[in-house]
């Protein structure tokens, strides 16, 4: 806290797991020897069951200084391992280092997502241009669409107009029957039903 960080404390591994999930902290410092749930089980569950926490840096800070303990902690997914007694200067350096690394990873991921979005966007534009070119015509047609007023109908109308045709939309079967003699359409497209009648009627 004196170094400017906001600290949330947990009394054991189970409490720590619940607070990590709910608080989504920028970094976790955990002991290993704790009641209810030890640090090893904490990181096992965190890494195995909570992928939303994968990018949170995790540091073990323990009196267990044996090489096997350090290896076990790192193998389970800890990003760093410090032993007691605490070297506060080294601890702050490691905290700052891990936070900078995490920030770089977030920025990198955001750039990759933006790049992917732009790539997909350009691909979609190319496909739309290709589709429009395929269906465009030098001889526009008078097209009547008779159908239920749903989103697909309006999209179909928009597409036909984009490629150069003249489109009339009629969503009432009764209205179509009344107007059909006066319609001068090259093509009439029927949906299976209109807002008031099914086409088979």
Protein backbone atom coordinates (compact mmCIF):
# COMPACT_ATOMS: atom_id res chain seq x y z
CA UNK A 1 0.00 0.00 0.00
CA UNK A 2 2.87 2.39 0.75
CA UNK A 3 4.10 1.79 -2.80
CA UNK A 4 0.74 2.93 -4.14
CA UNK A 5 -1.02 -0.38 -4.70
CA UNK A 6 -4.56 -1.27 -3.60
CA UNK A 7 -4.44 -4.51 -1.61
CA UNK A 8 -7.23 -7.04 -0.98
CA UNK A 9 -6.43 -9.59 1.72
CA UNK A 10 -7.63 -13.20 2.03
CA UNK A 11 -7.31 -15.37 5.13
CA UNK A 12 -6.78 -18.73 3.36
CA UNK A 13 -6.62 -20.34 -0.06
CA UNK A 14 -10.38 -20.82 -0.41
CA UNK A 15 -11.04 -17.21 0.53
CA UNK A 16 -8.27 -16.18 -1.83
CA UNK A 17 -9.74 -18.13 -4.75
CA UNK A 18 -13.16 -16.56 -4.24
CA UNK A 19 -11.70 -13.05 -4.05
CA UNK A 20 -9.50 -13.54 -7.12
CA UNK A 21 -12.54 -14.62 -9.13
CA UNK A 22 -14.74 -11.78 -7.87
CA UNK A 23 -12.16 -8.97 -7.75
CA UNK A 24 -10.15 -9.88 -10.89
CA UNK A 25 -6.97 -8.28 -9.48
CA UNK A 26 -3.99 -7.18 -11.54
CA UNK A 27 -1.68 -9.52 -9.60
CA UNK A 28 -1.82 -12.23 -6.90
CA UNK A 29 0.72 -12.88 -4.13
CA UNK A 30 0.01 -16.10 -2.26
CA UNK A 31 1.49 -18.11 0.58
CA UNK A 32 1.59 -21.91 0.24
CA UNK A 33 1.02 -23.18 3.79
CA UNK A 34 -2.53 -22.05 4.62
CA UNK A 35 -5.61 -23.56 6.31
CA UNK A 36 -8.71 -24.77 4.41
CA UNK A 37 -6.91 -24.69 1.04
CA UNK A 38 -3.15 -24.38 0.52
CA UNK A 39 -1.45 -22.35 -2.18
CA UNK A 40 -0.81 -25.32 -4.44
CA UNK A 41 -4.49 -26.25 -4.52
CA UNK A 42 -5.41 -22.60 -4.99
CA UNK A 43 -3.35 -22.21 -8.14
CA UNK A 44 -4.42 -25.66 -9.42
CA UNK A 45 -8.08 -24.67 -9.27
CA UNK A 46 -7.43 -21.18 -10.58
CA UNK A 47 -5.52 -22.37 -13.64
CA UNK A 48 -7.74 -25.39 -14.35
CA UNK A 49 -11.23 -23.99 -13.79
CA UNK A 50 -11.03 -20.24 -14.32
CA UNK A 51 -9.56 -19.35 -17.74
CA UNK A 52 -10.78 -15.78 -17.28
CA UNK A 53 -7.95 -15.43 -14.73
CA UNK A 54 -5.21 -16.90 -16.92
CA UNK A 55 -3.55 -13.55 -17.56
CA UNK A 56 -3.36 -12.51 -13.90
CA UNK A 57 0.30 -12.75 -12.75
CA UNK A 58 0.73 -15.08 -9.75
CA UNK A 59 3.63 -14.94 -7.28
CA UNK A 60 4.24 -17.46 -4.51
CA UNK A 61 5.73 -16.00 -1.33
CA UNK A 62 6.52 -18.85 1.07
CA UNK A 63 8.82 -20.09 3.83
CA UNK A 64 9.13 -23.31 1.80
CA UNK A 65 12.51 -22.64 0.24
CA UNK A 66 13.40 -26.15 -0.90
CA UNK A 67 14.16 -26.51 -4.60
CA UNK A 68 11.36 -29.07 -5.00
CA UNK A 69 8.86 -26.59 -3.57
CA UNK A 70 9.97 -23.90 -5.98
CA UNK A 71 9.77 -26.29 -8.94
CA UNK A 72 6.32 -27.49 -7.88
CA UNK A 73 5.03 -23.94 -7.58
CA UNK A 74 6.35 -22.96 -11.00
CA UNK A 75 5.10 -26.17 -12.58
CA UNK A 76 1.57 -25.50 -11.34
CA UNK A 77 1.49 -22.13 -13.08
CA UNK A 78 3.10 -19.57 -10.78
CA UNK A 79 4.87 -16.76 -12.62
CA UNK A 80 7.40 -16.24 -9.83
CA UNK A 81 8.46 -17.69 -6.48
CA UNK A 82 9.95 -15.81 -3.54
CA UNK A 83 11.01 -17.16 -0.18
CA UNK A 84 10.79 -15.73 3.31
CA UNK A 85 12.16 -13.73 5.06
CA UNK A 86 10.71 -11.13 2.72
CA UNK A 87 13.06 -8.86 0.80
CA UNK A 88 10.63 -5.97 0.33
CA UNK A 89 12.76 -4.21 -2.24
CA UNK A 90 12.96 -7.35 -4.38
CA UNK A 91 9.25 -8.00 -3.88
CA UNK A 92 8.29 -4.55 -5.22
CA UNK A 93 10.61 -4.98 -8.21
CA UNK A 94 9.06 -8.36 -9.03
CA UNK A 95 5.54 -6.95 -8.64
CA UNK A 96 6.28 -4.02 -10.95
CA UNK A 97 8.00 -6.30 -13.47
CA UNK A 98 5.09 -8.73 -13.60
CA UNK A 99 2.56 -5.91 -13.91
CA UNK A 100 4.50 -4.40 -16.82
CA UNK A 101 4.68 -7.79 -18.53
CA UNK A 102 0.94 -8.31 -18.05
CA UNK A 103 0.22 -4.86 -19.47
CA UNK A 104 2.39 -5.58 -22.52
CA UNK A 105 0.51 -8.84 -23.08
CA UNK A 106 -2.83 -7.05 -22.87
CA UNK A 107 -1.72 -4.39 -25.35
CA UNK A 108 -0.36 -7.08 -27.67
CA UNK A 109 -3.63 -9.02 -27.49
CA UNK A 110 -5.64 -5.87 -28.20
CA UNK A 111 -3.48 -5.11 -31.25
CA UNK A 112 -3.92 -8.67 -32.50
CA UNK A 113 -7.71 -8.42 -32.04
CA UNK A 114 -7.81 -5.10 -33.91
CA UNK A 115 -5.68 -6.59 -36.70
CA UNK A 116 -7.98 -9.62 -36.93
CA UNK A 117 -11.06 -7.39 -36.97
CA UNK A 118 -9.62 -5.25 -39.78
CA UNK A 119 -8.68 -8.37 -41.76
CA UNK A 120 -12.17 -9.83 -41.42
CA UNK A 121 -13.72 -6.47 -42.26
CA UNK A 122 -11.66 -6.15 -45.45
CA UNK A 123 -12.51 -9.74 -46.39
CA UNK A 124 -16.21 -9.04 -45.91
CA UNK A 125 -15.96 -5.94 -48.10
CA UNK A 126 -14.18 -7.93 -50.84
CA UNK A 127 -16.82 -10.65 -50.70
CA UNK A 128 -19.60 -8.07 -50.90
CA UNK A 129 -17.97 -6.40 -53.91
CA UNK A 130 -17.49 -9.79 -55.57
CA UNK A 131 -21.10 -10.77 -54.92
CA UNK A 132 -22.39 -7.44 -56.19
CA UNK A 133 -20.29 -7.75 -59.34
CA UNK A 134 -21.59 -11.25 -59.93
CA UNK A 135 -25.23 -10.24 -59.73
CA UNK A 136 -25.02 -6.74 -61.16
CA UNK A 137 -26.57 -6.19 -64.55
CA UNK A 138 -26.42 -3.66 -67.34
CA UNK A 139 -30.16 -4.18 -67.79
CA UNK A 140 -32.03 -3.37 -64.56
CA UNK A 141 -35.23 -5.31 -64.02
CA UNK A 142 -38.53 -4.42 -62.42
CA UNK A 143 -38.81 -6.89 -59.52
CA UNK A 144 -41.75 -7.37 -57.18
CA UNK A 145 -41.23 -9.13 -53.85
CA UNK A 146 -44.36 -10.48 -52.20
CA UNK A 147 -43.81 -11.70 -48.68
CA UNK A 148 -43.94 -11.41 -44.94
CA UNK A 149 -42.33 -8.23 -43.58
CA UNK A 150 -39.32 -9.84 -41.90
CA UNK A 151 -35.64 -8.93 -41.83
CA UNK A 152 -34.75 -11.32 -44.66
CA UNK A 153 -37.20 -9.63 -47.01
CA UNK A 154 -35.71 -6.18 -46.41
CA UNK A 155 -32.18 -7.52 -46.82
CA UNK A 156 -33.18 -9.14 -50.11
CA UNK A 157 -34.71 -5.88 -51.29
CA UNK A 158 -31.58 -3.96 -50.30
CA UNK A 159 -29.33 -6.38 -52.14
CA UNK A 160 -31.36 -6.26 -55.36
CA UNK A 161 -31.39 -2.46 -55.29
CA UNK A 162 -27.64 -2.33 -54.65
CA UNK A 163 -26.96 -4.29 -57.82
CA UNK A 164 -29.17 -1.98 -59.88
CA UNK A 165 -32.70 -3.40 -60.01
CA UNK A 166 -35.97 -1.59 -59.30
CA UNK A 167 -37.80 -3.26 -56.44
CA UNK A 168 -41.38 -3.05 -55.21
CA UNK A 169 -42.22 -4.78 -51.93
CA UNK A 170 -45.74 -5.93 -51.09
CA UNK A 171 -46.26 -7.48 -47.66
CA UNK A 172 -50.02 -8.04 -47.96
CA UNK A 173 -51.32 -10.93 -50.04
CA UNK A 174 -54.68 -9.22 -50.39
CA UNK A 175 -53.03 -6.04 -51.68
CA UNK A 176 -51.01 -8.02 -54.20
CA UNK A 177 -54.13 -9.72 -55.57
CA UNK A 178 -55.75 -6.31 -56.00
CA UNK A 179 -52.71 -4.76 -57.70
CA UNK A 180 -51.34 -7.67 -59.73
CA UNK A 181 -53.04 -6.67 -62.97
CA UNK A 182 -51.43 -3.24 -62.81
CA UNK A 183 -47.96 -4.45 -61.85
CA UNK A 184 -45.52 -4.45 -64.74
CA UNK A 185 -42.84 -6.68 -63.23
CA UNK A 186 -40.15 -8.62 -65.06
CA UNK A 187 -39.83 -10.95 -62.09
CA UNK A 188 -42.08 -11.62 -59.09
CA UNK A 189 -40.58 -13.29 -56.03
CA UNK A 190 -42.94 -14.95 -53.55
CA UNK A 191 -42.27 -15.69 -49.89
CA UNK A 192 -44.13 -18.72 -48.52
CA UNK A 193 -46.52 -16.37 -46.76
CA UNK A 194 -47.40 -12.69 -46.48
CA UNK A 195 -48.52 -10.70 -43.46
CA UNK A 196 -52.16 -11.73 -44.04
CA UNK A 197 -52.15 -14.72 -46.40
CA UNK A 198 -50.12 -17.79 -47.23
CA UNK A 199 -49.01 -17.88 -50.86
CA UNK A 200 -50.81 -21.17 -51.53
CA UNK A 201 -54.09 -19.32 -50.84
